[in-house]
C-alpha atoms as a PDB file:
ATOM      1  CA  UNK A   1     -15.239   6.516  17.390  1.00  0.00           C
ATOM      2  CA  UNK A   2     -11.850   5.933  15.793  1.00  0.00           C
ATOM      3  CA  UNK A   3      -9.844   2.767  15.788  1.00  0.00           C
ATOM      4  CA  UNK A   4      -6.385   3.081  14.238  1.00  0.00           C
ATOM      5  CA  UNK A   5      -5.483  -0.521  14.996  1.00  0.00           C
ATOM      6  CA  UNK A   6      -8.397  -2.283  13.297  1.00  0.00           C
ATOM      7  CA  UNK A   7      -6.769  -4.723  10.852  1.00  0.00           C
ATOM      8  CA  UNK A   8      -7.551  -8.299   9.874  1.00  0.00           C
ATOM      9  CA  UNK A   9      -4.441  -9.570  11.643  1.00  0.00           C
ATOM     10  CA  UNK A  10      -5.170  -7.756  14.882  1.00  0.00           C
ATOM     11  CA  UNK A  11      -8.814  -8.837  14.863  1.00  0.00           C
ATOM     12  CA  UNK A  12      -7.712 -12.443  14.457  1.00  0.00           C
ATOM     13  CA  UNK A  13      -5.102 -12.069  17.224  1.00  0.00           C
ATOM     14  CA  UNK A  14      -7.739 -10.759  19.653  1.00  0.00           C
ATOM     15  CA  UNK A  15      -9.940 -13.772  18.944  1.00  0.00           C
ATOM     16  CA  UNK A  16      -6.949 -16.110  19.368  1.00  0.00           C
ATOM     17  CA  UNK A  17      -6.218 -14.549  22.770  1.00  0.00           C
ATOM     18  CA  UNK A  18      -9.840 -15.124  23.748  1.00  0.00           C
ATOM     19  CA  UNK A  19      -9.496 -18.708  22.551  1.00  0.00           C
ATOM     20  CA  UNK A  20      -6.373 -19.256  24.653  1.00  0.00           C
ATOM     21  CA  UNK A  21      -8.249 -17.895  27.666  1.00  0.00           C
ATOM     22  CA  UNK A  22     -11.082 -20.321  27.012  1.00  0.00           C
ATOM     23  CA  UNK A  23      -8.639 -23.218  26.693  1.00  0.00           C
ATOM     24  CA  UNK A  24      -7.059 -22.235  30.006  1.00  0.00           C
ATOM     25  CA  UNK A  25     -10.479 -22.130  31.603  1.00  0.00           C
ATOM     26  CA  UNK A  26     -11.266 -25.506  30.034  1.00  0.00           C
ATOM     27  CA  UNK A  27      -8.202 -27.054  31.670  1.00  0.00           C
ATOM     28  CA  UNK A  28      -9.152 -25.701  35.077  1.00  0.00           C
ATOM     29  CA  UNK A  29     -12.929 -26.197  34.749  1.00  0.00           C
ATOM     30  CA  UNK A  30     -13.768 -28.953  32.221  1.00  0.00           C
ATOM     31  CA  UNK A  31     -17.063 -27.955  30.666  1.00  0.00           C
ATOM     32  CA  UNK A  32     -18.627 -28.794  27.270  1.00  0.00           C
ATOM     33  CA  UNK A  33     -19.908 -25.224  26.858  1.00  0.00           C
ATOM     34  CA  UNK A  34     -16.405 -23.782  27.271  1.00  0.00           C
ATOM     35  CA  UNK A  35     -15.065 -26.397  24.844  1.00  0.00           C
ATOM     36  CA  UNK A  36     -17.690 -25.398  22.271  1.00  0.00           C
ATOM     37  CA  UNK A  37     -16.841 -21.708  22.719  1.00  0.00           C
ATOM     38  CA  UNK A  38     -13.143 -22.501  22.197  1.00  0.00           C
ATOM     39  CA  UNK A  39     -13.913 -24.314  18.936  1.00  0.00           C
ATOM     40  CA  UNK A  40     -16.120 -21.455  17.744  1.00  0.00           C
ATOM     41  CA  UNK A  41     -13.430 -18.903  18.580  1.00  0.00           C
ATOM     42  CA  UNK A  42     -10.888 -20.901  16.543  1.00  0.00           C
ATOM     43  CA  UNK A  43     -13.235 -20.924  13.540  1.00  0.00           C
ATOM     44  CA  UNK A  44     -13.895 -17.208  13.984  1.00  0.00           C
ATOM     45  CA  UNK A  45     -10.152 -16.432  14.046  1.00  0.00           C
ATOM     46  CA  UNK A  46      -9.586 -18.453  10.876  1.00  0.00           C
ATOM     47  CA  UNK A  47     -12.513 -16.717   9.150  1.00  0.00           C
ATOM     48  CA  UNK A  48     -11.287 -13.228  10.111  1.00  0.00           C
ATOM     49  CA  UNK A  49      -7.733 -14.022   9.039  1.00  0.00           C
ATOM     50  CA  UNK A  50      -8.852 -15.266   5.608  1.00  0.00           C
ATOM     51  CA  UNK A  51     -12.002 -13.226   4.945  1.00  0.00           C
ATOM     52  CA  UNK A  52     -11.409 -10.153   7.087  1.00  0.00           C
ATOM     53  CA  UNK A  53     -11.819  -7.839   4.115  1.00  0.00           C
ATOM     54  CA  UNK A  54     -15.479  -8.955   4.011  1.00  0.00           C
ATOM     55  CA  UNK A  55     -16.138  -9.317   7.735  1.00  0.00           C
ATOM     56  CA  UNK A  56     -14.523  -6.071   8.876  1.00  0.00           C
ATOM     57  CA  UNK A  57     -16.794  -3.719   6.853  1.00  0.00           C
ATOM     58  CA  UNK A  58     -19.816  -5.544   8.280  1.00  0.00           C
ATOM     59  CA  UNK A  59     -18.535  -5.063  11.838  1.00  0.00           C
ATOM     60  CA  UNK A  60     -17.642  -1.391  11.372  1.00  0.00           C
ATOM     61  CA  UNK A  61     -20.964  -0.671   9.652  1.00  0.00           C
ATOM     62  CA  UNK A  62     -23.107  -2.091  12.453  1.00  0.00           C
ATOM     63  CA  UNK A  63     -20.942  -0.657  15.243  1.00  0.00           C
ATOM     64  CA  UNK A  64     -20.675   2.775  13.553  1.00  0.00           C
ATOM     65  CA  UNK A  65     -16.900   2.548  13.921  1.00  0.00           C
ATOM     66  CA  UNK A  66     -14.606   4.731  11.836  1.00  0.00           C
ATOM     67  CA  UNK A  67     -11.085   3.657  11.034  1.00  0.00           C
ATOM     68  CA  UNK A  68      -8.666   6.561  11.145  1.00  0.00           C
ATOM     69  CA  UNK A  69      -5.019   7.151  10.300  1.00  0.00           C
ATOM     70  CA  UNK A  70      -3.430  10.576  10.351  1.00  0.00           C
ATOM     71  CA  UNK A  71      -5.715  13.131   8.706  1.00  0.00           C
ATOM     72  CA  UNK A  72      -7.709  10.433   6.942  1.00  0.00           C
ATOM     73  CA  UNK A  73     -10.693   8.352   7.985  1.00  0.00           C
ATOM     74  CA  UNK A  74     -12.594   5.456   6.433  1.00  0.00           C
ATOM     75  CA  UNK A  75     -16.378   5.391   6.950  1.00  0.00           C
ATOM     76  CA  UNK A  76     -18.191   2.266   8.073  1.00  0.00           C
ATOM     77  CA  UNK A  77     -18.901   1.100   4.499  1.00  0.00           C
ATOM     78  CA  UNK A  78     -15.120   1.094   3.810  1.00  0.00           C
ATOM     79  CA  UNK A  79     -15.557   2.180   0.180  1.00  0.00           C
ATOM     80  CA  UNK A  80     -14.068   5.711   0.313  1.00  0.00           C
ATOM     81  CA  UNK A  81     -11.288   7.567   2.132  1.00  0.00           C
ATOM     82  CA  UNK A  82     -12.130  10.993   3.601  1.00  0.00           C
ATOM     83  CA  UNK A  83      -9.830  13.849   4.559  1.00  0.00           C
ATOM     84  CA  UNK A  84     -10.785  17.189   6.112  1.00  0.00           C
ATOM     85  CA  UNK A  85      -8.869  20.327   5.210  1.00  0.00           C
ATOM     86  CA  UNK A  86     -10.138  23.544   6.715  1.00  0.00           C
ATOM     87  CA  UNK A  87     -13.888  23.634   6.201  1.00  0.00           C
ATOM     88  CA  UNK A  88     -13.887  21.214   3.270  1.00  0.00           C
ATOM     89  CA  UNK A  89     -14.075  17.443   3.129  1.00  0.00           C
ATOM     90  CA  UNK A  90     -12.310  15.488   0.351  1.00  0.00           C
ATOM     91  CA  UNK A  91     -13.563  11.975  -0.403  1.00  0.00           C
ATOM     92  CA  UNK A  92     -11.586   9.612  -2.635  1.00  0.00           C
ATOM     93  CA  UNK A  93     -12.711   6.388  -4.307  1.00  0.00           C
ATOM     94  CA  UNK A  94     -10.591   3.695  -6.001  1.00  0.00           C
ATOM     95  CA  UNK A  95     -11.394   1.385  -8.913  1.00  0.00           C
ATOM     96  CA  UNK A  96      -9.565  -1.698 -10.146  1.00  0.00           C
ATOM     97  CA  UNK A  97      -9.302  -2.017 -13.946  1.00  0.00           C
ATOM     98  CA  UNK A  98      -8.940  -5.604 -15.167  1.00  0.00           C
ATOM     99  CA  UNK A  99      -7.788  -5.970 -18.753  1.00  0.00           C
ATOM    100  CA  UNK A 100      -8.741  -9.339 -20.218  1.00  0.00           C
ATOM    101  CA  UNK A 101      -7.281  -8.732 -23.688  1.00  0.00           C
ATOM    102  CA  UNK A 102      -3.900  -7.505 -24.852  1.00  0.00           C
ATOM    103  CA  UNK A 103      -3.346  -4.869 -27.521  1.00  0.00           C
ATOM    104  CA  UNK A 104      -1.352  -7.456 -29.448  1.00  0.00           C
ATOM    105  CA  UNK A 105      -4.595  -9.363 -30.031  1.00  0.00           C
ATOM    106  CA  UNK A 106      -6.146  -6.436 -31.925  1.00  0.00           C
ATOM    107  CA  UNK A 107      -5.430  -4.913 -35.327  1.00  0.00           C
ATOM    108  CA  UNK A 108      -3.935  -1.394 -35.643  1.00  0.00           C
ATOM    109  CA  UNK A 109      -7.299  -0.078 -36.850  1.00  0.00           C
ATOM    110  CA  UNK A 110      -9.101  -1.528 -33.830  1.00  0.00           C
ATOM    111  CA  UNK A 111      -6.514  -0.025 -31.476  1.00  0.00           C
ATOM    112  CA  UNK A 112      -6.899   3.387 -33.135  1.00  0.00           C
ATOM    113  CA  UNK A 113     -10.706   3.296 -32.789  1.00  0.00           C
ATOM    114  CA  UNK A 114     -10.495   2.274 -29.121  1.00  0.00           C
ATOM    115  CA  UNK A 115      -7.948   5.001 -28.371  1.00  0.00           C
ATOM    116  CA  UNK A 116     -10.047   7.711 -29.999  1.00  0.00           C
ATOM    117  CA  UNK A 117     -13.278   6.694 -28.270  1.00  0.00           C
ATOM    118  CA  UNK A 118     -11.432   6.341 -24.942  1.00  0.00           C
ATOM    119  CA  UNK A 119      -9.916   9.820 -25.203  1.00  0.00           C
ATOM    120  CA  UNK A 120     -13.260  11.364 -26.170  1.00  0.00           C
ATOM    121  CA  UNK A 121     -15.032   9.658 -23.282  1.00  0.00           C
ATOM    122  CA  UNK A 122     -12.437  10.729 -20.700  1.00  0.00           C
ATOM    123  CA  UNK A 123     -12.398  14.308 -21.971  1.00  0.00           C
ATOM    124  CA  UNK A 124     -16.152  14.499 -21.327  1.00  0.00           C
ATOM    125  CA  UNK A 125     -15.668  14.001 -17.575  1.00  0.00           C
ATOM    126  CA  UNK A 126     -15.838  17.249 -15.589  1.00  0.00           C
ATOM    127  CA  UNK A 127     -13.889  16.275 -12.485  1.00  0.00           C
ATOM    128  CA  UNK A 128     -10.400  15.252 -11.448  1.00  0.00           C
ATOM    129  CA  UNK A 129      -9.421  11.606 -11.889  1.00  0.00           C
ATOM    130  CA  UNK A 130      -6.263   9.579 -12.279  1.00  0.00           C
ATOM    131  CA  UNK A 131      -5.593   6.243 -13.950  1.00  0.00           C
ATOM    132  CA  UNK A 132      -2.385   4.534 -12.802  1.00  0.00           C
ATOM    133  CA  UNK A 133      -0.422   1.518 -14.003  1.00  0.00           C
ATOM    134  CA  UNK A 134       1.931  -0.283 -11.636  1.00  0.00           C
ATOM    135  CA  UNK A 135       4.317  -2.790 -13.189  1.00  0.00           C
ATOM    136  CA  UNK A 136       6.261  -5.491 -11.370  1.00  0.00           C
ATOM    137  CA  UNK A 137       8.834  -7.737 -13.092  1.00  0.00           C
ATOM    138  CA  UNK A 138       8.305 -11.415 -12.287  1.00  0.00           C
ATOM    139  CA  UNK A 139      11.328 -13.358 -11.041  1.00  0.00           C
ATOM    140  CA  UNK A 140      11.365 -16.676 -12.916  1.00  0.00           C
ATOM    141  CA  UNK A 141      14.323 -18.143 -11.012  1.00  0.00           C
ATOM    142  CA  UNK A 142      12.212 -20.334  -8.636  1.00  0.00           C
ATOM    143  CA  UNK A 143      10.148 -21.609 -11.590  1.00  0.00           C
ATOM    144  CA  UNK A 144      13.276 -22.403 -13.640  1.00  0.00           C
ATOM    145  CA  UNK A 145      14.884 -24.169 -10.669  1.00  0.00           C
ATOM    146  CA  UNK A 146      11.818 -26.430 -10.265  1.00  0.00           C
ATOM    147  CA  UNK A 147      11.911 -27.371 -13.951  1.00  0.00           C
ATOM    148  CA  UNK A 148      15.632 -28.151 -13.761  1.00  0.00           C
ATOM    149  CA  UNK A 149      15.050 -30.243 -10.643  1.00  0.00           C
ATOM    150  CA  UNK A 150      12.351 -32.277 -12.439  1.00  0.00           C
ATOM    151  CA  UNK A 151      14.625 -32.757 -15.431  1.00  0.00           C
ATOM    152  CA  UNK A 152      17.529 -33.839 -13.251  1.00  0.00           C
ATOM    153  CA  UNK A 153      15.402 -36.440 -11.414  1.00  0.00           C
ATOM    154  CA  UNK A 154      14.057 -37.798 -14.696  1.00  0.00           C
ATOM    155  CA  UNK A 155      17.553 -38.028 -16.215  1.00  0.00           C
ATOM    156  CA  UNK A 156      18.930 -39.775 -13.121  1.00  0.00           C
ATOM    157  CA  UNK A 157      16.135 -42.323 -13.136  1.00  0.00           C
ATOM    158  CA  UNK A 158      16.536 -42.810 -16.888  1.00  0.00           C
ATOM    159  CA  UNK A 159      20.251 -43.486 -16.389  1.00  0.00           C
ATOM    160  CA  UNK A 160      19.484 -46.087 -13.711  1.00  0.00           C
ATOM    161  CA  UNK A 161      16.984 -47.890 -15.932  1.00  0.00           C
ATOM    162  CA  UNK A 162      19.312 -47.862 -18.922  1.00  0.00           C
ATOM    163  CA  UNK A 163      21.891 -49.874 -16.959  1.00  0.00           C
ATOM    164  CA  UNK A 164      19.378 -52.638 -16.155  1.00  0.00           C
ATOM    165  CA  UNK A 165      19.297 -55.893 -18.169  1.00  0.00           C
ATOM    166  CA  UNK A 166      17.269 -55.832 -21.352  1.00  0.00           C
ATOM    167  CA  UNK A 167      15.008 -58.574 -19.942  1.00  0.00           C
ATOM    168  CA  UNK A 168      13.590 -56.186 -17.314  1.00  0.00           C
ATOM    169  CA  UNK A 169      10.235 -54.731 -18.272  1.00  0.00           C
ATOM    170  CA  UNK A 170      11.145 -51.005 -18.152  1.00  0.00           C
ATOM    171  CA  UNK A 171      10.293 -49.887 -21.675  1.00  0.00           C
ATOM    172  CA  UNK A 172       7.137 -47.979 -20.708  1.00  0.00           C
ATOM    173  CA  UNK A 173       8.841 -46.192 -17.822  1.00  0.00           C
ATOM    174  CA  UNK A 174      11.765 -45.191 -20.052  1.00  0.00           C
ATOM    175  CA  UNK A 175       9.330 -43.734 -22.592  1.00  0.00           C
ATOM    176  CA  UNK A 176       7.618 -41.685 -19.867  1.00  0.00           C
ATOM    177  CA  UNK A 177      10.937 -40.417 -18.525  1.00  0.00           C
ATOM    178  CA  UNK A 178      12.119 -39.403 -21.998  1.00  0.00           C
ATOM    179  CA  UNK A 179       8.918 -37.441 -22.520  1.00  0.00           C
ATOM    180  CA  UNK A 180       9.396 -35.807 -19.120  1.00  0.00           C
ATOM    181  CA  UNK A 181      12.936 -34.721 -20.036  1.00  0.00           C
ATOM    182  CA  UNK A 182      11.745 -33.423 -23.397  1.00  0.00           C
ATOM    183  CA  UNK A 183       8.899 -31.509 -21.763  1.00  0.00           C
ATOM    184  CA  UNK A 184      11.302 -29.848 -19.298  1.00  0.00           C
ATOM    185  CA  UNK A 185      13.644 -28.877 -22.138  1.00  0.00           C
ATOM    186  CA  UNK A 186      10.782 -27.290 -24.074  1.00  0.00           C
ATOM    187  CA  UNK A 187       9.627 -25.326 -21.030  1.00  0.00           C
ATOM    188  CA  UNK A 188      13.146 -24.034 -20.360  1.00  0.00           C
ATOM    189  CA  UNK A 189      13.544 -22.946 -23.967  1.00  0.00           C
ATOM    190  CA  UNK A 190      10.256 -21.041 -23.881  1.00  0.00           C
ATOM    191  CA  UNK A 191      11.141 -19.307 -20.629  1.00  0.00           C
ATOM    192  CA  UNK A 192      14.637 -18.335 -21.740  1.00  0.00           C
ATOM    193  CA  UNK A 193      13.649 -17.285 -25.262  1.00  0.00           C
ATOM    194  CA  UNK A 194      10.554 -15.240 -24.390  1.00  0.00           C
ATOM    195  CA  UNK A 195      10.276 -11.723 -23.029  1.00  0.00           C
ATOM    196  CA  UNK A 196      10.478 -11.222 -19.296  1.00  0.00           C
ATOM    197  CA  UNK A 197       6.936 -11.481 -17.876  1.00  0.00           C
ATOM    198  CA  UNK A 198       5.409  -8.590 -15.994  1.00  0.00           C
ATOM    199  CA  UNK A 199       2.581  -8.260 -13.501  1.00  0.00           C
ATOM    200  CA  UNK A 200       0.504  -5.157 -14.123  1.00  0.00           C
ATOM    201  CA  UNK A 201      -2.042  -3.554 -11.823  1.00  0.00           C
ATOM    202  CA  UNK A 202      -4.274  -0.834 -13.294  1.00  0.00           C
ATOM    203  CA  UNK A 203      -6.331   1.265 -10.907  1.00  0.00           C
ATOM    204  CA  UNK A 204      -8.189   4.561 -11.106  1.00  0.00           C
ATOM    205  CA  UNK A 205      -9.003   7.110  -8.439  1.00  0.00           C
ATOM    206  CA  UNK A 206     -11.208  10.159  -8.242  1.00  0.00           C
ATOM    207  CA  UNK A 207     -11.838  12.756  -5.534  1.00  0.00           C
ATOM    208  CA  UNK A 208     -14.801  14.995  -4.721  1.00  0.00           C
ATOM    209  CA  UNK A 209     -14.933  17.945  -2.309  1.00  0.00           C
ATOM    210  CA  UNK A 210     -17.710  19.581  -0.330  1.00  0.00           C
ATOM    211  CA  UNK A 211     -18.406  21.475   2.901  1.00  0.00           C
ATOM    212  CA  UNK A 212     -20.349  18.406   4.080  1.00  0.00           C
ATOM    213  CA  UNK A 213     -18.727  15.004   4.554  1.00  0.00           C
ATOM    214  CA  UNK A 214     -21.840  13.142   3.459  1.00  0.00           C
ATOM    215  CA  UNK A 215     -22.136  15.324   0.364  1.00  0.00           C
ATOM    216  CA  UNK A 216     -18.483  14.713  -0.557  1.00  0.00           C
ATOM    217  CA  UNK A 217     -18.975  10.958  -0.176  1.00  0.00           C
ATOM    218  CA  UNK A 218     -22.132  11.026  -2.300  1.00  0.00           C
ATOM    219  CA  UNK A 219     -20.377  13.059  -5.017  1.00  0.00           C
ATOM    220  CA  UNK A 220     -17.335  10.796  -5.205  1.00  0.00           C
ATOM    221  CA  UNK A 221     -19.519   7.696  -5.415  1.00  0.00           C
ATOM    222  CA  UNK A 222     -21.349   9.242  -8.354  1.00  0.00           C
ATOM    223  CA  UNK A 223     -18.043  10.154 -10.014  1.00  0.00           C
ATOM    224  CA  UNK A 224     -16.674   6.650  -9.459  1.00  0.00           C
ATOM    225  CA  UNK A 225     -19.782   5.101 -11.000  1.00  0.00           C
ATOM    226  CA  UNK A 226     -19.475   7.352 -14.054  1.00  0.00           C
ATOM    227  CA  UNK A 227     -15.749   6.692 -14.397  1.00  0.00           C
ATOM    228  CA  UNK A 228     -16.389   2.958 -14.064  1.00  0.00           C
ATOM    229  CA  UNK A 229     -18.950   3.079 -16.884  1.00  0.00           C
ATOM    230  CA  UNK A 230     -16.684   5.104 -19.187  1.00  0.00           C
ATOM    231  CA  UNK A 231     -13.605   2.935 -18.732  1.00  0.00           C
ATOM    232  CA  UNK A 232     -15.422  -0.417 -18.895  1.00  0.00           C
ATOM    233  CA  UNK A 233     -17.457   0.498 -21.990  1.00  0.00           C
ATOM    234  CA  UNK A 234     -14.709   2.138 -24.057  1.00  0.00           C
ATOM    235  CA  UNK A 235     -11.975  -0.371 -23.247  1.00  0.00           C
ATOM    236  CA  UNK A 236     -14.274  -3.422 -23.066  1.00  0.00           C
ATOM    237  CA  UNK A 237     -12.835  -4.448 -19.714  1.00  0.00           C
ATOM    238  CA  UNK A 238     -13.970  -5.187 -16.171  1.00  0.00           C
ATOM    239  CA  UNK A 239     -13.852  -2.375 -13.620  1.00  0.00           C
ATOM    240  CA  UNK A 240     -14.424  -3.092  -9.919  1.00  0.00           C
ATOM    241  CA  UNK A 241     -15.084  -0.803  -6.971  1.00  0.00           C
ATOM    242  CA  UNK A 242     -12.386  -1.340  -4.356  1.00  0.00           C
ATOM    243  CA  UNK A 243     -13.265  -1.509  -0.671  1.00  0.00           C
ATOM    244  CA  UNK A 244     -11.621  -2.403   2.618  1.00  0.00           C
ATOM    245  CA  UNK A 245      -8.018  -3.574   2.560  1.00  0.00           C
ATOM    246  CA  UNK A 246      -7.810  -3.500  -1.246  1.00  0.00           C
ATOM    247  CA  UNK A 247      -8.764   0.185  -1.280  1.00  0.00           C
ATOM    248  CA  UNK A 248      -6.235   0.968   1.456  1.00  0.00           C
ATOM    249  CA  UNK A 249      -3.551  -0.880  -0.481  1.00  0.00           C
ATOM    250  CA  UNK A 250      -4.084   1.408  -3.476  1.00  0.00           C
ATOM    251  CA  UNK A 251      -4.024   4.378  -1.099  1.00  0.00           C
ATOM    252  CA  UNK A 252      -0.643   3.246   0.224  1.00  0.00           C
ATOM    253  CA  UNK A 253       0.685   2.883  -3.335  1.00  0.00           C
ATOM    254  CA  UNK A 254       0.031   6.594  -3.834  1.00  0.00           C
ATOM    255  CA  UNK A 255       2.813   7.271  -1.332  1.00  0.00           C
ATOM    256  CA  UNK A 256       5.148   4.277  -1.423  1.00  0.00           C
ATOM    257  CA  UNK A 257       5.598   1.471  -3.968  1.00  0.00           C
ATOM    258  CA  UNK A 258       5.718  -2.088  -2.604  1.00  0.00           C
ATOM    259  CA  UNK A 259       9.119  -3.698  -2.236  1.00  0.00           C
ATOM    260  CA  UNK A 260      10.298  -6.867  -3.920  1.00  0.00           C
ATOM    261  CA  UNK A 261       9.201  -9.004  -0.965  1.00  0.00           C
ATOM    262  CA  UNK A 262       5.628  -7.656  -1.348  1.00  0.00           C
ATOM    263  CA  UNK A 263       5.085  -8.520  -5.023  1.00  0.00           C
ATOM    264  CA  UNK A 264       2.676 -11.315  -4.107  1.00  0.00           C
ATOM    265  CA  UNK A 265       0.305  -8.693  -2.666  1.00  0.00           C
ATOM    266  CA  UNK A 266      -0.658  -7.419  -6.104  1.00  0.00           C
ATOM    267  CA  UNK A 267      -4.351  -7.134  -6.868  1.00  0.00           C
ATOM    268  CA  UNK A 268      -5.935  -9.215  -9.588  1.00  0.00           C
END
């Protein structure tokens, strides 16, 4: 069956409603069993809210529940997205590419060798794939404001201590405050002098088609495994299979980029 409303938030809300019902019953009929059930429901809601991306695939797998939206559906394993067009099924898989090293850490010769081997490896693949880079500028204003606030507090305290009599034992505190001010100044200089930092998400997708849904899913899983091996070996990086909410997030990015208020939702 299909369930278009199955999300971590909604699952947690259902459990919370059950918990509120148990608490109401506990008020009317005090019973240790009801109290224990209320506690367990609270723990279950917290677990679903925080670890729903792990719990939900387990639930859908054992209940044979399919999550659907529009023309697309997500099987119980939550590792591919399937769409039916005419008599054909199209299954799509997503991979997260995690780069642990920057090109600036390698010599020009090393970069040239990696690029050549990467291009040769990708050209050997006999199916459609796409590798995408999504870049988000990082707003440093909150970070700068915190540093300035620390510096201001240290300077104010340093000014108060400086006006105290010389007999007061404040030498060690003054030394600490001076180092604090100096540290804040150094951090501000680095932030203002350096290039604007960016958050980068690299993900790959591939699609397979067949007259059978199971065959399309099997084909795309094989393609994803091959693509994962090629990218991880040639670029010496970590490549992860995306499932659940993380997979759906990449699917959404194919249609609409996240807004500024959603920059904290980036994958890592």
